[in-house]
Protein backbone atom coordinates (compact mmCIF):
# COMPACT_ATOMS: atom_id res chain seq x y z
CA MET A 1 0.56 -8.25 -8.44
CA LEU A 2 -0.08 -9.13 -4.77
CA ALA A 3 -0.62 -5.48 -3.84
CA LYS A 4 -3.16 -5.13 -6.65
CA GLU A 5 -5.01 -8.26 -5.53
CA LEU A 6 -5.18 -7.07 -1.92
CA TYR A 7 -6.19 -3.51 -2.73
CA PRO A 8 -9.75 -2.51 -1.72
CA GLY A 9 -12.24 -2.40 -4.55
CA ASN A 10 -11.72 -5.97 -5.74
CA PHE A 11 -14.22 -7.48 -3.32
CA LYS A 12 -17.75 -6.74 -2.14
CA PRO A 13 -18.81 -6.85 1.52
CA THR A 14 -20.49 -10.07 2.61
CA MET A 15 -23.71 -10.65 4.53
CA SER A 16 -21.63 -10.60 7.72
CA HIS A 17 -20.38 -7.07 7.07
CA TYR A 18 -23.93 -5.82 6.58
CA PHE A 19 -25.02 -7.58 9.78
CA ILE A 20 -22.36 -5.57 11.61
CA ARG A 21 -23.74 -2.42 9.99
CA LEU A 22 -27.26 -3.33 11.18
CA LEU A 23 -25.99 -3.76 14.73
CA ALA A 24 -24.48 -0.27 14.55
CA GLU A 25 -27.60 1.31 13.06
CA LYS A 26 -29.75 -0.25 15.78
CA GLY A 27 -27.51 1.13 18.51
CA LEU A 28 -26.29 -2.30 19.61
CA LEU A 29 -22.69 -2.27 18.39
CA LEU A 30 -20.10 -1.04 20.87
CA ARG A 31 -17.14 -1.79 18.60
CA ASN A 32 -16.07 -4.06 15.75
CA TYR A 33 -12.52 -5.33 16.16
CA THR A 34 -11.11 -6.84 12.98
CA GLN A 35 -7.81 -8.30 11.81
CA ASN A 36 -8.77 -7.79 8.17
CA ILE A 37 -7.08 -5.03 6.18
CA ASP A 38 -9.51 -5.00 3.24
CA THR A 39 -11.69 -2.13 4.63
CA LEU A 40 -14.86 -4.06 3.70
CA GLU A 41 -16.49 -2.90 6.92
CA ARG A 42 -16.13 0.69 5.70
CA CYS A 43 -17.38 -0.31 2.26
CA ALA A 44 -20.46 -1.85 3.90
CA GLY A 45 -21.22 1.48 5.57
CA VAL A 46 -19.92 0.85 9.11
CA HIS A 47 -18.76 4.21 10.46
CA PRO A 48 -15.02 4.30 11.35
CA ASP A 49 -15.89 5.28 14.93
CA PHE A 50 -17.18 1.74 15.42
CA LEU A 51 -14.05 0.13 13.97
CA VAL A 52 -10.75 -0.97 15.43
CA GLU A 53 -8.70 -2.25 12.50
CA ALA A 54 -6.08 -4.02 14.57
CA HIS A 55 -3.82 -4.86 11.65
CA GLY A 56 -4.33 -1.54 9.94
CA ASN A 57 -6.04 -0.70 6.67
CA PHE A 58 -5.53 0.56 3.14
CA HIS A 59 -7.65 3.65 3.72
CA ASP A 60 -4.84 5.66 5.31
CA ALA A 61 -1.20 5.99 4.25
CA HIS A 62 1.92 7.65 5.65
CA CYS A 63 5.48 8.27 4.60
CA MET A 64 7.84 5.79 6.26
CA ASN A 65 10.47 8.54 6.56
CA CYS A 66 8.73 11.75 7.67
CA ASP A 67 5.32 10.30 8.64
CA LYS A 68 3.43 12.72 6.39
CA GLU A 69 -0.11 11.52 5.68
CA HIS A 70 -1.06 10.89 2.06
CA PRO A 71 -4.49 10.18 0.55
CA HIS A 72 -5.07 6.51 -0.20
CA GLU A 73 -5.81 7.43 -3.82
CA PHE A 74 -2.17 8.52 -4.17
CA VAL A 75 -0.91 5.08 -3.16
CA ARG A 76 -3.58 3.23 -5.13
CA ASP A 77 -2.81 5.09 -8.35
CA ALA A 78 0.90 4.32 -8.00
CA VAL A 79 0.31 0.64 -7.24
CA PHE A 80 -1.90 0.15 -10.29
CA LYS A 81 0.73 1.85 -12.46
CA ASP A 82 3.36 -0.58 -11.08
CA GLU A 83 5.15 2.34 -9.49
CA VAL A 84 6.49 2.92 -5.98
CA PRO A 85 4.70 5.80 -4.20
CA TYR A 86 7.24 8.31 -2.95
CA CYS A 87 6.78 11.25 -0.60
CA GLY A 88 8.16 14.69 -1.37
CA CYS A 89 10.94 13.99 1.15
CA GLY A 90 12.01 10.94 -0.83
CA GLY A 91 10.59 8.37 1.57
CA ILE A 92 8.32 5.52 0.53
CA VAL A 93 4.62 5.98 1.25
CA LYS A 94 3.03 2.87 2.80
CA PRO A 95 -0.62 2.08 3.52
CA ASP A 96 -1.27 1.92 7.26
CA ILE A 97 -1.21 -1.88 7.39
CA VAL A 98 0.63 -3.66 10.19
CA PHE A 99 3.44 -5.98 9.11
CA PHE A 100 4.77 -8.85 11.20
CA GLY A 101 6.80 -7.53 14.11
CA GLU A 102 5.23 -4.06 14.06
CA SER A 103 3.17 -2.68 16.93
CA LEU A 104 -0.61 -2.64 16.75
CA PRO A 105 -2.25 0.77 16.23
CA ASP A 106 -2.69 3.05 19.24
CA ARG A 107 -6.45 2.83 18.75
CA PHE A 108 -6.38 -0.88 19.63
CA VAL A 109 -4.31 -0.26 22.76
CA ASN A 110 -6.41 2.72 23.87
CA LEU A 111 -9.86 1.15 23.40
CA ALA A 112 -9.49 -2.57 24.10
CA SER A 113 -9.59 -2.44 27.91
CA LYS A 114 -12.44 0.08 28.01
CA ASP A 115 -14.54 -1.78 25.43
CA CYS A 116 -14.02 -5.19 27.02
CA ALA A 117 -15.10 -3.81 30.39
CA GLU A 118 -18.33 -2.42 28.86
CA CYS A 119 -19.12 -5.39 26.61
CA GLU A 120 -22.48 -7.07 27.33
CA LEU A 121 -22.31 -9.70 24.57
CA LEU A 122 -19.21 -10.76 22.63
CA VAL A 123 -19.67 -12.16 19.12
CA VAL A 124 -16.55 -13.73 17.61
CA MET A 125 -16.66 -15.01 14.04
CA GLY A 126 -14.47 -16.33 11.27
CA THR A 127 -11.16 -16.70 13.09
CA SER A 128 -8.46 -19.09 14.23
CA LEU A 129 -7.89 -17.04 17.41
CA ALA A 130 -4.22 -17.85 17.00
CA VAL A 131 -2.61 -14.40 16.74
CA GLN A 132 -1.90 -12.51 19.95
CA PRO A 133 -2.64 -10.02 21.36
CA PHE A 134 -5.80 -9.84 19.21
CA ALA A 135 -6.89 -13.38 20.16
CA GLY A 136 -6.75 -12.41 23.83
CA LEU A 137 -9.73 -10.05 23.45
CA ALA A 138 -12.13 -12.96 23.91
CA SER A 139 -10.77 -13.53 27.41
CA ARG A 140 -10.70 -9.87 28.45
CA VAL A 141 -14.46 -9.34 28.71
CA GLY A 142 -16.15 -9.70 32.09
CA SER A 143 -16.64 -13.17 33.56
CA ASP A 144 -20.43 -12.79 33.27
CA CYS A 145 -20.37 -11.61 29.62
CA PRO A 146 -21.97 -14.14 27.22
CA ARG A 147 -19.73 -15.12 24.30
CA LEU A 148 -20.89 -16.49 20.93
CA LEU A 149 -18.45 -18.07 18.48
CA ILE A 150 -19.67 -18.33 14.88
CA ASN A 151 -17.03 -20.38 13.10
CA ARG A 152 -16.46 -23.46 10.99
CA GLU A 153 -14.66 -25.11 13.89
CA LYS A 154 -14.15 -24.59 17.59
CA VAL A 155 -11.14 -22.43 18.43
CA GLY A 156 -9.76 -20.57 21.40
CA GLU A 157 -10.84 -23.16 23.95
CA THR A 158 -9.54 -23.30 27.52
CA ASN A 159 -5.76 -23.64 27.64
CA PRO A 160 -4.13 -23.64 31.11
CA LEU A 161 -0.74 -22.63 29.70
CA MET A 162 -2.17 -19.56 27.92
CA ALA A 163 -4.01 -18.64 31.12
CA MET A 164 -0.71 -18.75 33.04
CA LEU A 165 0.85 -16.46 30.43
CA GLY A 166 -1.92 -13.91 31.00
CA PHE A 167 -3.94 -14.48 27.83
CA GLY A 168 -7.04 -15.76 29.65
CA ALA A 169 -8.57 -19.18 29.92
CA GLY A 170 -10.41 -19.16 26.58
CA PHE A 171 -13.82 -20.56 25.62
CA ASP A 172 -15.50 -23.36 27.55
CA PHE A 173 -18.19 -25.05 25.48
CA SER A 174 -18.74 -28.00 27.84
CA GLN A 175 -22.25 -28.55 29.13
CA GLU A 176 -20.98 -29.01 32.68
CA SER A 177 -19.02 -25.78 33.19
CA GLY A 178 -19.58 -23.70 30.04
CA TYR A 179 -22.20 -21.40 31.52
CA ARG A 180 -21.72 -18.49 29.10
CA ASP A 181 -20.09 -19.76 25.90
CA VAL A 182 -22.00 -20.88 22.79
CA PHE A 183 -20.57 -22.33 19.57
CA TYR A 184 -22.49 -22.16 16.27
CA GLY A 185 -20.75 -24.18 13.58
CA SER A 186 -21.07 -22.45 10.19
CA ASP A 187 -19.42 -19.84 8.03
CA CYS A 188 -19.89 -16.20 9.00
CA ASP A 189 -22.66 -15.39 6.54
CA ASP A 190 -24.86 -18.36 7.46
CA GLY A 191 -24.32 -17.66 11.14
CA CYS A 192 -25.22 -13.99 10.80
CA LEU A 193 -28.33 -14.85 8.78
CA LYS A 194 -29.37 -17.32 11.47
CA LEU A 195 -28.82 -14.74 14.20
CA ALA A 196 -30.65 -12.08 12.20
CA GLY A 197 -33.58 -14.47 11.80
CA LEU A 198 -33.74 -15.07 15.55
CA LEU A 199 -33.77 -11.30 16.05
CA GLY A 200 -36.49 -10.78 13.46
CA TRP A 201 -34.11 -8.96 11.09
CA GLU A 202 -33.61 -11.54 8.33
CA ASP A 203 -35.67 -9.75 5.66
CA GLU A 204 -34.12 -6.41 6.61
CA LEU A 205 -30.61 -7.83 6.36
CA LYS A 206 -31.25 -9.48 2.99
CA LYS A 207 -32.73 -6.27 1.60
CA LEU A 208 -29.78 -4.22 2.83
CA TYR A 209 -27.36 -6.73 1.28
CA ASN A 210 -29.14 -6.79 -2.08
CA ASP A 211 -29.66 -3.02 -2.25
CA GLU A 212 -26.06 -2.22 -1.38
CA HIS A 213 -24.65 -4.80 -3.78
CA LYS A 214 -26.79 -3.34 -6.54
CA LYS A 215 -25.31 0.09 -5.84
CA LEU A 216 -21.79 -1.32 -5.88
CA ASP A 217 -22.45 -3.18 -9.13
CA GLU A 218 -23.76 0.00 -10.75
CA GLN A 219 -20.77 1.96 -9.53
CA LYS A 220 -18.29 -0.67 -10.70
CA GLY A 221 -20.17 -1.07 -13.99
CA LYS A 222 -18.92 2.35 -15.03
CA ASP A 223 -15.51 0.69 -15.38
CA THR A 224 -15.43 -0.98 -18.79
CA THR A 225 -12.73 -3.50 -17.83
CA THR A 226 -13.43 -6.86 -16.15
CA PRO A 227 -10.16 -8.33 -14.79
CA GLU A 228 -9.71 -12.08 -14.88
CA GLY A 229 -11.41 -13.96 -12.04
CA LYS A 230 -14.02 -11.29 -11.35
CA ASP A 231 -17.73 -11.33 -12.07
CA ALA A 232 -19.39 -9.03 -14.61
CA SER A 233 -19.50 -6.23 -12.06
CA GLY A 234 -15.71 -6.29 -11.71
CA PHE A 235 -15.74 -7.73 -8.19
CA LYS A 236 -14.41 -11.01 -6.84
CA PRO A 237 -16.38 -13.03 -4.28
CA ALA A 238 -15.14 -12.39 -0.76
CA ASN A 239 -14.18 -15.02 1.80
CA THR A 240 -17.14 -15.50 4.17
CA ASN A 241 -15.03 -16.78 7.07
CA LYS A 242 -12.87 -13.78 7.89
CA ASP A 243 -11.50 -12.64 11.23
CA GLU A 244 -13.98 -10.46 13.08
CA THR A 245 -14.57 -9.79 16.74
CA ASP A 246 -17.59 -7.68 17.68
């Protein structure tokens, strides 16, 4: 049941996901680092080249024995039939999601240093900044790089112990010494709408959101079943305060 609930297709992208897409389309997004495994960024139309899915995703799958790649449809079909997906070699086929204790994908390791060095503005939203090494990204950008935290509460603030351990000094929101850090207290969607408004993109973002949701509703409407807890389109509302680092 849990695998079915987590599987992509149950949720629609939020306003925040479409804001990330707008940043990419306008040539302003260097990379979107995310801890989420729901592939909603892809569903929103963000090209995979812009994504670092640090905890993996359901879009790719490999055999745990021979490492053969399998299409995600193969795993999805087995999961929804309450079956275990097996490879031809007899090994279990697992989506490329990172379990506790496993290493982060090579893409995270290969791009993080380069991207942080090139970053001109860091936007962090919907996160506890509690899981390392992902949480350390906020402290790896240059000392003159502005950092914006859009979150329901302040997180990742200066911690001398974490600095000694090499994870950086964290955010400094104080008026006296916080020369580059800004906190906006809200959920991700409200924060992205506010930012889009300041950039003159609010109407464009709302139109993109509405148009894309209409397409998804029409696509999902072809399925005659409406599982419990979903709206008439077959989707469940997504959490608007998810872990994203842009």
